[in-house]
Amino acid sequence: MKRIVKKSPPQDTSFAEALISWQKQHGRHKLPWQRTRDAYRIWLSEIMLQQTQVATVIPYYARFLERFPDVAALAAAPTEEVMAHWSGLGYYTRARNLHRCAQQIIAQHAGIFSQDPEALASLPGIGKSTAAAIAAFAYGARAAILDGNVKRVFCRVFGIEGFPGQVAVERDLWQRAEALLPAQEIEAYTQGLMDLGATLCTRTRPACERCPMQSRCIAHAAGRAAELPARKPKKAIPEKSTVMLVVVHAGEILMEQRLPQGIWGGLLSLPELNRLSSGDSDVGLHEQLALALSAFGDIDDIKMLNGFVHGFTHYRLSVIPVHITLRQRHLMAAPPDYQWRALAQISEAALPSPVRKLLVTLGATMVS
């Protein structure tokens, strides 16, 4: 195996020239957020595309724009409605920051997105790379991007060792990103970096034979495209568990409004218990659940459902669902943060993806 020798950031313009030429001929040109200088639409697409594939984003982007056609409409919308339109796209902190950012742009910037990447990067949910992409596509600003796809391209082409998330490696990558910026056609160059990483220089099975950088790619020459960039050092993935209560009565289901912070913040979810009492006693199970639901009604029937595991970025969540039918519901108002929702309309609510899948799977069995 050939050892890669680290090189200094290139000073010539050939990298950018080759990339721009390739992008114009083979890059993506028909994505719904292209061919526009509307900073709002570009910003929305860039936030949605963070850690999410283009094919997944496109239908969400269309529905979001239909309901929130401009930054003023988004800023004025209720948080719950914003979350409902984001529901299923994942990484919900993005949606909360999107809403906060829109409100800040209206309140503090007269509804106008700055042309300055540094100013954009100071807004909620917009980091340095995303700010550069918005400024480049909306205003033609000469600014460097460095998302996951671009890091992979640079690590392979220039033979950069080490995990890109390490401070020293990321600093090297930023230096290269800035040194490689062309004097002109920044939009084609920026889009070319994104397209190259997303369509050819992919994480697995890169299409090196079609890559415009093949002749200069150090990883390809050394037969190490599969090794670079270096993987993140592995850590044991923590596992957590929860009991989700699917409580139904008279065509309605009991839902809990999650706090704004944390996983699924701001979404509607199912009430949860940390655990069920151990043992095989049906009487003990009934008593435990009756106590937990004492503020809502009297239990008629309990069914244990098949459990499942949902993976987050930093841990795995084991879910034990319990289907509970109430014999009668208490007339008193539900405690704060809880509400009854019609089963027939629950699909319209802002639900976490695993909760939505669970309720869809149960479907017609959730009857009063």
Protein backbone atom coordinates (compact mmCIF):
# COMPACT_ATOMS: atom_id res chain seq x y z
CA MET A 1 0.00 0.00 0.00
CA LYS A 2 1.35 3.41 -0.94
CA ARG A 3 1.71 5.95 1.82
CA ILE A 4 0.16 9.32 1.05
CA VAL A 5 2.48 12.29 1.43
CA LYS A 6 0.78 15.42 2.70
CA LYS A 7 0.95 18.36 0.32
CA SER A 8 0.45 22.06 0.84
CA PRO A 9 -2.78 23.66 -0.43
CA PRO A 10 -2.56 24.15 -4.20
CA GLN A 11 -2.10 27.64 -5.57
CA ASP A 12 -3.06 27.01 -9.21
CA THR A 13 -6.50 27.43 -10.73
CA SER A 14 -6.69 24.10 -12.56
CA PHE A 15 -8.81 22.39 -9.90
CA ALA A 16 -11.54 25.02 -10.11
CA GLU A 17 -11.39 25.16 -13.90
CA ALA A 18 -11.80 21.39 -14.23
CA LEU A 19 -14.63 21.34 -11.70
CA ILE A 20 -16.56 24.22 -13.31
CA SER A 21 -16.22 22.65 -16.76
CA TRP A 22 -17.49 19.31 -15.44
CA GLN A 23 -20.39 20.89 -13.56
CA LYS A 24 -21.63 22.75 -16.62
CA GLN A 25 -21.70 19.52 -18.65
CA HIS A 26 -22.56 16.84 -16.08
CA GLY A 27 -23.73 18.54 -12.89
CA ARG A 28 -27.24 18.93 -11.57
CA HIS A 29 -29.20 21.82 -13.11
CA LYS A 30 -32.88 21.03 -12.55
CA LEU A 31 -33.21 20.93 -8.78
CA PRO A 32 -36.18 23.03 -7.63
CA TRP A 33 -34.02 25.51 -5.71
CA GLN A 34 -31.68 26.19 -8.61
CA ARG A 35 -31.96 29.01 -11.16
CA THR A 36 -33.07 31.47 -8.51
CA ARG A 37 -31.43 34.31 -6.62
CA ASP A 38 -34.12 34.27 -3.95
CA ALA A 39 -32.12 34.04 -0.72
CA TYR A 40 -35.15 32.70 1.18
CA ARG A 41 -35.57 29.71 -1.13
CA ILE A 42 -31.84 29.04 -1.22
CA TRP A 43 -31.60 29.27 2.59
CA LEU A 44 -34.55 26.89 3.01
CA SER A 45 -33.02 24.32 0.65
CA GLU A 46 -29.60 24.50 2.33
CA ILE A 47 -31.08 23.92 5.79
CA MET A 48 -33.22 21.02 4.56
CA LEU A 49 -30.23 19.46 2.79
CA GLN A 50 -28.15 19.34 5.97
CA GLN A 51 -27.66 15.60 6.63
CA THR A 52 -30.56 14.75 4.29
CA GLN A 53 -30.59 13.38 0.75
CA VAL A 54 -31.86 15.49 -2.16
CA ALA A 55 -34.57 12.97 -3.10
CA THR A 56 -35.98 13.14 0.43
CA VAL A 57 -35.88 16.93 0.57
CA ILE A 58 -37.64 17.74 -2.73
CA PRO A 59 -41.26 16.93 -1.70
CA TYR A 60 -40.80 18.61 1.70
CA TYR A 61 -39.35 21.69 0.03
CA ALA A 62 -42.34 21.98 -2.33
CA ARG A 63 -44.92 21.59 0.47
CA PHE A 64 -43.05 24.00 2.73
CA LEU A 65 -42.93 26.71 0.06
CA GLU A 66 -46.59 26.25 -0.75
CA ARG A 67 -47.51 27.01 2.86
CA PHE A 68 -44.66 29.47 3.64
CA PRO A 69 -43.85 31.22 0.33
CA ASP A 70 -41.57 33.85 1.90
CA VAL A 71 -39.69 34.62 5.08
CA ALA A 72 -42.52 36.81 6.41
CA ALA A 73 -45.04 33.98 6.12
CA LEU A 74 -42.69 31.61 7.91
CA ALA A 75 -41.92 34.08 10.68
CA ALA A 76 -45.63 34.71 11.32
CA ALA A 77 -46.63 31.03 11.41
CA PRO A 78 -47.34 29.17 14.67
CA THR A 79 -44.47 26.93 15.77
CA GLU A 80 -46.70 23.86 15.75
CA GLU A 81 -47.59 24.40 12.10
CA VAL A 82 -43.94 24.80 11.13
CA MET A 83 -43.09 21.59 12.96
CA ALA A 84 -46.00 19.78 11.30
CA HIS A 85 -44.67 20.67 7.83
CA TRP A 86 -41.22 19.48 8.89
CA SER A 87 -42.48 16.28 10.52
CA GLY A 88 -40.72 13.21 9.11
CA LEU A 89 -37.70 15.11 7.79
CA GLY A 90 -35.80 14.54 11.02
CA TYR A 91 -33.19 16.54 12.93
CA TYR A 92 -35.93 18.77 14.33
CA THR A 93 -33.54 21.33 15.76
CA ARG A 94 -33.22 22.51 12.16
CA ALA A 95 -36.92 23.37 12.04
CA ARG A 96 -36.86 25.22 15.35
CA ASN A 97 -33.81 27.21 14.25
CA LEU A 98 -35.40 27.84 10.85
CA HIS A 99 -38.42 29.42 12.53
CA ARG A 100 -36.27 31.47 14.94
CA CYS A 101 -34.07 32.61 12.07
CA ALA A 102 -37.06 33.78 10.01
CA GLN A 103 -38.40 35.74 12.98
CA GLN A 104 -35.00 37.32 13.57
CA ILE A 105 -34.62 38.32 9.91
CA ILE A 106 -38.03 40.01 10.00
CA ALA A 107 -37.53 41.68 13.38
CA GLN A 108 -33.91 42.76 13.06
CA HIS A 109 -33.06 42.81 9.34
CA ALA A 110 -36.22 44.15 7.67
CA GLY A 111 -36.85 40.74 6.08
CA ILE A 112 -33.62 40.83 4.05
CA PHE A 113 -30.89 38.18 4.07
CA SER A 114 -27.42 39.72 4.30
CA GLN A 115 -24.93 39.36 1.46
CA ASP A 116 -22.13 38.95 4.02
CA PRO A 117 -21.38 35.27 4.85
CA GLU A 118 -20.17 36.18 8.34
CA ALA A 119 -23.43 38.00 9.08
CA LEU A 120 -25.44 35.04 7.78
CA ALA A 121 -23.40 32.62 9.89
CA SER A 122 -24.44 34.50 13.04
CA LEU A 123 -28.12 33.64 12.49
CA PRO A 124 -29.77 30.61 14.17
CA GLY A 125 -29.03 27.33 12.41
CA ILE A 126 -26.69 28.81 9.77
CA GLY A 127 -23.07 27.74 10.12
CA LYS A 128 -20.04 28.91 8.19
CA SER A 129 -20.44 26.51 5.25
CA THR A 130 -24.19 27.01 4.87
CA ALA A 131 -23.74 30.79 5.04
CA ALA A 132 -21.17 30.61 2.25
CA ALA A 133 -23.50 28.55 0.06
CA ILE A 134 -26.39 31.00 0.56
CA ALA A 135 -24.17 34.00 -0.18
CA ALA A 136 -22.67 32.33 -3.26
CA PHE A 137 -25.95 31.22 -4.82
CA ALA A 138 -28.02 34.27 -3.89
CA TYR A 139 -25.45 37.04 -4.35
CA GLY A 140 -22.44 35.53 -6.14
CA ALA A 141 -20.25 36.05 -3.08
CA ARG A 142 -16.80 34.47 -3.23
CA ALA A 143 -16.99 32.26 -0.14
CA ALA A 144 -15.81 28.72 0.61
CA ILE A 145 -18.13 25.85 1.55
CA LEU A 146 -17.05 22.76 3.47
CA ASP A 147 -19.90 20.33 4.07
CA GLY A 148 -19.54 16.55 4.42
CA ASN A 149 -19.46 15.93 0.67
CA VAL A 150 -16.78 18.56 0.10
CA LYS A 151 -14.64 17.20 2.94
CA ARG A 152 -14.75 13.77 1.32
CA VAL A 153 -13.73 15.16 -2.08
CA PHE A 154 -10.81 17.12 -0.64
CA CYS A 155 -9.58 14.25 1.55
CA ARG A 156 -9.44 11.95 -1.46
CA VAL A 157 -8.15 14.34 -4.11
CA PHE A 158 -5.43 15.81 -1.88
CA GLY A 159 -4.74 12.71 0.21
CA ILE A 160 -5.59 14.24 3.57
CA GLU A 161 -5.12 11.81 6.43
CA GLY A 162 -7.08 11.83 9.68
CA PHE A 163 -10.73 12.18 10.64
CA PRO A 164 -12.18 15.41 9.12
CA GLY A 165 -13.90 16.25 12.40
CA GLN A 166 -10.57 16.69 14.19
CA VAL A 167 -9.61 20.33 14.68
CA ALA A 168 -6.26 20.15 12.87
CA VAL A 169 -7.68 18.25 9.90
CA GLU A 170 -10.68 20.56 9.57
CA ARG A 171 -8.38 23.60 9.72
CA ASP A 172 -6.36 22.13 6.84
CA LEU A 173 -9.54 21.50 4.87
CA TRP A 174 -10.74 25.08 5.34
CA GLN A 175 -7.38 26.39 4.15
CA ARG A 176 -7.66 24.33 1.01
CA ALA A 177 -11.29 25.31 0.46
CA GLU A 178 -10.37 29.00 0.57
CA ALA A 179 -7.21 28.61 -1.51
CA LEU A 180 -9.11 26.82 -4.29
CA LEU A 181 -11.83 29.46 -4.75
CA PRO A 182 -12.01 30.72 -8.34
CA ALA A 183 -12.08 34.42 -9.17
CA GLN A 184 -15.23 33.96 -11.27
CA GLU A 185 -18.18 31.57 -11.72
CA ILE A 186 -18.43 30.89 -8.00
CA GLU A 187 -21.96 29.51 -8.40
CA ALA A 188 -20.91 26.77 -10.84
CA TYR A 189 -17.86 25.99 -8.71
CA THR A 190 -19.85 25.72 -5.48
CA GLN A 191 -22.55 23.61 -7.10
CA GLY A 192 -19.86 21.48 -8.71
CA LEU A 193 -18.35 20.62 -5.33
CA MET A 194 -21.75 19.59 -4.05
CA ASP A 195 -22.56 17.59 -7.18
CA LEU A 196 -19.21 15.83 -7.30
CA GLY A 197 -19.50 14.62 -3.72
CA ALA A 198 -23.15 13.65 -4.02
CA THR A 199 -23.07 11.85 -7.39
CA LEU A 200 -19.53 10.57 -8.10
CA CYS A 201 -17.22 10.84 -5.08
CA THR A 202 -19.69 9.02 -2.86
CA ARG A 203 -18.88 7.42 0.48
CA THR A 204 -19.16 3.89 -0.95
CA ARG A 205 -18.43 2.74 -4.49
CA PRO A 206 -17.18 6.09 -5.87
CA ALA A 207 -17.39 6.38 -9.66
CA CYS A 208 -13.72 7.20 -10.12
CA GLU A 209 -13.80 6.31 -13.82
CA ARG A 210 -16.15 9.26 -14.47
CA CYS A 211 -14.58 11.74 -12.05
CA PRO A 212 -13.00 14.88 -13.53
CA MET A 213 -10.42 14.78 -10.70
CA GLN A 214 -9.23 11.22 -11.35
CA SER A 215 -5.88 12.24 -12.87
CA ARG A 216 -5.01 14.41 -9.85
CA CYS A 217 -6.65 12.31 -7.12
CA ILE A 218 -4.01 11.05 -4.68
CA ALA A 219 -6.36 8.53 -3.05
CA HIS A 220 -7.24 7.00 -6.43
CA ALA A 221 -3.59 6.74 -7.45
CA ALA A 222 -2.74 5.05 -4.14
CA GLY A 223 -5.75 2.70 -4.29
CA ARG A 224 -7.12 4.20 -1.08
CA ALA A 225 -10.41 5.79 -2.14
CA ALA A 226 -12.26 3.40 0.18
CA GLU A 227 -10.07 4.44 3.15
CA LEU A 228 -10.38 8.20 2.85
CA PRO A 229 -11.63 10.20 4.52
CA ALA A 230 -10.75 8.40 7.74
CA ARG A 231 -13.71 7.16 9.73
CA LYS A 232 -14.72 8.74 12.99
CA PRO A 233 -13.19 6.84 15.90
CA LYS A 234 -15.81 4.38 17.09
CA LYS A 235 -17.50 4.75 20.44
CA ALA A 236 -19.98 2.44 22.07
CA ILE A 237 -23.48 3.55 21.11
CA PRO A 238 -25.56 4.10 24.25
CA GLU A 239 -28.95 2.43 24.40
CA LYS A 240 -32.02 3.83 26.10
CA SER A 241 -35.52 2.46 26.47
CA THR A 242 -38.99 3.88 26.92
CA VAL A 243 -42.59 2.71 27.13
CA MET A 244 -44.96 4.54 24.76
CA LEU A 245 -48.61 4.58 25.74
CA VAL A 246 -51.14 4.50 22.90
CA VAL A 247 -54.20 5.60 24.89
CA VAL A 248 -57.49 5.77 22.94
CA HIS A 249 -61.09 6.55 23.73
CA ALA A 250 -64.11 7.42 21.61
CA GLY A 251 -62.13 7.94 18.42
CA GLU A 252 -59.46 10.10 20.06
CA ILE A 253 -55.88 9.48 21.16
CA LEU A 254 -53.98 11.02 24.06
CA MET A 255 -50.91 13.02 22.95
CA GLU A 256 -48.18 14.86 24.83
CA GLN A 257 -46.74 18.20 23.67
CA ARG A 258 -42.97 17.90 23.99
CA LEU A 259 -40.93 20.73 25.47
CA PRO A 260 -39.12 22.95 22.90
CA GLN A 261 -35.69 21.59 23.86
CA GLY A 262 -34.29 18.13 23.34
CA ILE A 263 -35.15 15.24 21.05
CA TRP A 264 -38.49 15.79 19.29
CA GLY A 265 -38.70 19.23 20.90
CA GLY A 266 -41.93 21.03 20.05
CA LEU A 267 -43.57 17.95 18.50
CA LEU A 268 -46.60 16.00 19.60
CA SER A 269 -45.69 12.53 20.83
CA LEU A 270 -47.15 9.68 22.85
CA PRO A 271 -47.07 9.72 26.65
CA GLU A 272 -44.11 7.74 27.98
CA LEU A 273 -43.03 5.75 31.00
CA ASN A 274 -39.41 5.05 31.84
CA ARG A 275 -40.16 1.37 32.42
CA LEU A 276 -42.82 -1.19 33.26
CA SER A 277 -42.70 -3.15 36.47
CA SER A 278 -40.90 -6.46 36.11
CA GLY A 279 -42.82 -9.67 36.57
CA ASP A 280 -45.61 -11.48 34.79
CA SER A 281 -48.54 -10.25 36.83
CA ASP A 282 -51.30 -8.77 34.65
CA VAL A 283 -52.80 -7.30 37.80
CA GLY A 284 -49.55 -5.50 38.61
CA LEU A 285 -49.27 -4.14 35.06
CA HIS A 286 -52.87 -2.93 35.13
CA GLU A 287 -52.31 -1.20 38.47
CA GLN A 288 -49.16 0.54 37.28
CA LEU A 289 -50.80 1.85 34.10
CA ALA A 290 -53.98 2.79 35.96
CA LEU A 291 -51.92 4.94 38.30
CA ALA A 292 -50.02 6.57 35.43
CA LEU A 293 -53.29 7.40 33.65
CA SER A 294 -55.38 8.24 36.68
CA ALA A 295 -55.77 11.86 35.56
CA PHE A 296 -57.22 10.83 32.20
CA GLY A 297 -59.66 7.98 32.72
CA ASP A 298 -60.33 4.36 33.69
CA ILE A 299 -58.65 1.55 31.78
CA ASP A 300 -60.78 -0.99 29.93
CA ASP A 301 -58.20 -3.03 27.99
CA ILE A 302 -54.40 -3.35 27.69
CA LYS A 303 -52.46 -4.90 24.79
CA MET A 304 -48.70 -5.21 24.64
CA LEU A 305 -47.46 -4.46 21.14
CA ASN A 306 -44.29 -5.47 19.31
CA GLY A 307 -41.33 -3.34 20.34
CA PHE A 308 -38.95 -1.63 17.94
CA VAL A 309 -35.65 0.26 17.96
CA HIS A 310 -35.18 3.78 16.59
CA GLY A 311 -31.67 5.03 15.90
CA PHE A 312 -30.59 8.59 16.66
CA THR A 313 -27.21 10.13 15.88
CA HIS A 314 -25.81 9.51 19.35
CA TYR A 315 -27.88 6.64 20.77
CA ARG A 316 -30.43 3.92 20.08
CA LEU A 317 -33.91 4.06 21.59
CA SER A 318 -35.74 0.82 22.34
CA VAL A 319 -39.49 1.44 22.34
CA ILE A 320 -42.10 -0.76 24.01
CA PRO A 321 -45.58 0.31 22.82
CA VAL A 322 -48.68 -0.44 24.93
CA HIS A 323 -52.15 -0.06 23.42
CA ILE A 324 -54.64 1.05 26.09
CA THR A 325 -58.38 1.53 25.67
CA LEU A 326 -60.20 3.59 28.28
CA ARG A 327 -63.60 2.52 29.55
CA GLN A 328 -64.45 6.11 30.33
CA ARG A 329 -62.63 9.40 30.25
CA HIS A 330 -62.58 11.84 33.15
CA LEU A 331 -64.47 15.05 32.46
CA MET A 332 -61.78 17.25 33.98
CA ALA A 333 -59.38 19.03 31.64
CA ALA A 334 -56.25 17.14 30.67
CA PRO A 335 -53.08 18.17 32.56
CA PRO A 336 -50.88 20.81 30.89
CA ASP A 337 -48.89 19.57 27.88
CA TYR A 338 -51.42 16.78 27.20
CA GLN A 339 -54.28 16.85 24.73
CA TRP A 340 -56.77 14.57 23.05
CA ARG A 341 -56.62 14.44 19.25
CA ALA A 342 -59.04 12.85 16.79
CA LEU A 343 -57.57 9.64 15.39
CA ALA A 344 -58.86 10.51 11.94
CA GLN A 345 -56.77 13.71 11.92
CA ILE A 346 -53.66 12.57 13.75
CA SER A 347 -51.67 12.20 10.52
CA GLU A 348 -51.84 15.99 10.10
CA ALA A 349 -50.09 16.62 13.44
CA ALA A 350 -46.39 17.34 13.94
CA LEU A 351 -45.28 13.86 14.98
CA PRO A 352 -41.82 12.27 15.31
CA SER A 353 -41.19 9.78 12.53
CA PRO A 354 -41.22 6.62 14.71
CA VAL A 355 -44.45 7.71 16.42
CA ARG A 356 -46.10 8.35 13.05
CA LYS A 357 -44.99 4.94 11.79
CA LEU A 358 -46.30 3.26 14.93
CA LEU A 359 -49.72 4.87 14.62
CA VAL A 360 -49.93 4.10 10.91
CA THR A 361 -49.03 0.47 11.61
CA LEU A 362 -51.72 0.20 14.25
CA GLY A 363 -54.23 1.85 11.94
CA ALA A 364 -57.69 0.45 12.24
CA THR A 365 -56.94 -1.44 15.46
CA MET A 366 -57.00 1.82 17.40
CA VAL A 367 -60.72 1.94 17.99
CA SER A 368 -62.63 2.96 21.03
